Amino acid sequence: MFTFLIWCVLFVLCWPLAILALLLYPFIWLILLPFRLVGIAVEGALKLAGP
């Protein structure tokens, strides 16, 4: 919800940048997905190795 409100403010202030952000968001999400998966795997490994 907070992200949507920030996007609305950006849309009012600078609509071309807001449209560009809306179009690039899925690509950025796909680029960051492997890093999230690695983070989940590392967190799980650390929980298994913990006390």
N, C-alpha and C. Protein backbone atom coordinates (compact mmCIF):
# COMPACT_ATOMS: atom_id res chain seq x y z
N MET A 1 0.83 -1.19 0.00
CA MET A 1 0.00 0.00 0.00
C MET A 1 0.87 1.26 0.00
N PHE A 2 1.94 1.23 0.81
CA PHE A 2 2.84 2.38 0.90
C PHE A 2 3.52 2.64 -0.45
N THR A 3 3.90 1.55 -1.14
CA THR A 3 4.53 1.69 -2.46
C THR A 3 3.57 2.34 -3.45
N PHE A 4 2.32 1.96 -3.38
CA PHE A 4 1.32 2.55 -4.28
C PHE A 4 1.14 4.04 -4.01
N LEU A 5 1.14 4.42 -2.75
CA LEU A 5 1.01 5.85 -2.42
C LEU A 5 2.21 6.65 -2.92
N ILE A 6 3.40 6.07 -2.77
CA ILE A 6 4.60 6.75 -3.28
C ILE A 6 4.53 6.88 -4.79
N TRP A 7 4.04 5.82 -5.47
CA TRP A 7 3.90 5.88 -6.92
C TRP A 7 2.89 6.95 -7.33
N CYS A 8 1.81 7.08 -6.59
CA CYS A 8 0.81 8.12 -6.90
C CYS A 8 1.41 9.52 -6.76
N VAL A 9 2.19 9.74 -5.72
CA VAL A 9 2.85 11.03 -5.54
C VAL A 9 3.82 11.28 -6.70
N LEU A 10 4.59 10.26 -7.06
CA LEU A 10 5.51 10.39 -8.19
C LEU A 10 4.76 10.67 -9.48
N PHE A 11 3.60 10.04 -9.65
CA PHE A 11 2.80 10.26 -10.85
C PHE A 11 2.33 11.70 -10.94
N VAL A 12 1.96 12.28 -9.82
CA VAL A 12 1.51 13.68 -9.81
C VAL A 12 2.68 14.62 -10.08
N LEU A 13 3.84 14.32 -9.49
CA LEU A 13 4.98 15.21 -9.63
C LEU A 13 5.68 15.07 -10.98
N CYS A 14 5.85 13.84 -11.44
CA CYS A 14 6.59 13.61 -12.69
C CYS A 14 6.03 12.35 -13.34
N TRP A 15 5.00 12.49 -14.14
CA TRP A 15 4.32 11.32 -14.67
C TRP A 15 5.16 10.48 -15.62
N PRO A 16 6.07 11.04 -16.45
CA PRO A 16 6.87 10.14 -17.30
C PRO A 16 7.76 9.19 -16.49
N LEU A 17 8.33 9.69 -15.39
CA LEU A 17 9.15 8.84 -14.53
C LEU A 17 8.31 7.77 -13.86
N ALA A 18 7.10 8.10 -13.48
CA ALA A 18 6.21 7.12 -12.85
C ALA A 18 5.82 6.02 -13.84
N ILE A 19 5.55 6.38 -15.08
CA ILE A 19 5.22 5.38 -16.10
C ILE A 19 6.43 4.49 -16.38
N LEU A 20 7.62 5.09 -16.44
CA LEU A 20 8.84 4.31 -16.65
C LEU A 20 9.06 3.33 -15.49
N ALA A 21 8.85 3.78 -14.26
CA ALA A 21 8.99 2.91 -13.11
C ALA A 21 7.98 1.77 -13.16
N LEU A 22 6.78 2.06 -13.60
CA LEU A 22 5.74 1.02 -13.70
C LEU A 22 6.11 -0.02 -14.75
N LEU A 23 6.73 0.41 -15.84
CA LEU A 23 7.12 -0.52 -16.90
C LEU A 23 8.36 -1.33 -16.53
N LEU A 24 9.28 -0.74 -15.78
CA LEU A 24 10.53 -1.42 -15.43
C LEU A 24 10.40 -2.32 -14.20
N TYR A 25 9.36 -2.14 -13.40
CA TYR A 25 9.21 -2.90 -12.16
C TYR A 25 9.26 -4.42 -12.36
N PRO A 26 8.55 -4.99 -13.35
CA PRO A 26 8.62 -6.46 -13.51
C PRO A 26 10.03 -6.94 -13.87
N PHE A 27 10.76 -6.17 -14.66
CA PHE A 27 12.11 -6.58 -15.04
C PHE A 27 13.06 -6.51 -13.84
N ILE A 28 12.92 -5.49 -13.03
CA ILE A 28 13.74 -5.37 -11.83
C ILE A 28 13.42 -6.51 -10.87
N TRP A 29 12.14 -6.87 -10.76
CA TRP A 29 11.73 -7.98 -9.90
C TRP A 29 12.36 -9.28 -10.37
N LEU A 30 12.39 -9.50 -11.70
CA LEU A 30 12.99 -10.72 -12.23
C LEU A 30 14.50 -10.75 -12.01
N ILE A 31 15.15 -9.60 -12.11
CA ILE A 31 16.60 -9.54 -11.89
C ILE A 31 16.93 -9.83 -10.43
N LEU A 32 16.11 -9.35 -9.51
CA LEU A 32 16.39 -9.52 -8.08
C LEU A 32 15.94 -10.87 -7.53
N LEU A 33 15.14 -11.61 -8.29
CA LEU A 33 14.61 -12.90 -7.82
C LEU A 33 15.70 -13.90 -7.43
N PRO A 34 16.76 -14.09 -8.22
CA PRO A 34 17.80 -15.05 -7.80
C PRO A 34 18.46 -14.66 -6.47
N PHE A 35 18.64 -13.38 -6.23
CA PHE A 35 19.24 -12.94 -4.97
C PHE A 35 18.32 -13.26 -3.79
N ARG A 36 17.03 -13.15 -3.99
CA ARG A 36 16.08 -13.51 -2.93
C ARG A 36 16.13 -15.01 -2.64
N LEU A 37 16.21 -15.81 -3.70
CA LEU A 37 16.28 -17.26 -3.52
C LEU A 37 17.56 -17.66 -2.79
N VAL A 38 18.67 -17.03 -3.14
CA VAL A 38 19.93 -17.32 -2.45
C VAL A 38 19.81 -16.91 -0.98
N GLY A 39 19.19 -15.78 -0.71
CA GLY A 39 19.00 -15.34 0.67
C GLY A 39 18.16 -16.32 1.47
N ILE A 40 17.12 -16.86 0.87
CA ILE A 40 16.28 -17.85 1.56
C ILE A 40 17.08 -19.11 1.83
N ALA A 41 17.90 -19.55 0.86
CA ALA A 41 18.71 -20.76 1.04
C ALA A 41 19.75 -20.56 2.13
N VAL A 42 20.41 -19.41 2.14
CA VAL A 42 21.43 -19.15 3.15
C VAL A 42 20.79 -19.06 4.53
N GLU A 43 19.65 -18.42 4.62
CA GLU A 43 18.96 -18.33 5.90
C GLU A 43 18.57 -19.71 6.43
N GLY A 44 18.09 -20.57 5.54
CA GLY A 44 17.75 -21.93 5.94
C GLY A 44 18.97 -22.72 6.38
N ALA A 45 20.08 -22.56 5.67
CA ALA A 45 21.32 -23.27 6.05
C ALA A 45 21.82 -22.79 7.40
N LEU A 46 21.73 -21.50 7.65
CA LEU A 46 22.17 -20.97 8.94
C LEU A 46 21.28 -21.44 10.08
N LYS A 47 20.00 -21.59 9.82
CA LYS A 47 19.10 -22.09 10.87
C LYS A 47 19.38 -23.56 11.18
N LEU A 48 19.75 -24.33 10.15
CA LEU A 48 20.07 -25.73 10.38
C LEU A 48 21.39 -25.88 11.14
N ALA A 49 22.34 -24.99 10.87
CA ALA A 49 23.65 -25.08 11.50
C ALA A 49 23.67 -24.42 12.87
N GLY A 50 22.63 -23.70 13.21
CA GLY A 50 22.59 -22.97 14.48
C GLY A 50 22.41 -23.88 15.68
N PRO A 51 22.47 -23.31 16.87
CA PRO A 51 22.36 -24.11 18.11
C PRO A 51 21.01 -24.70 18.34
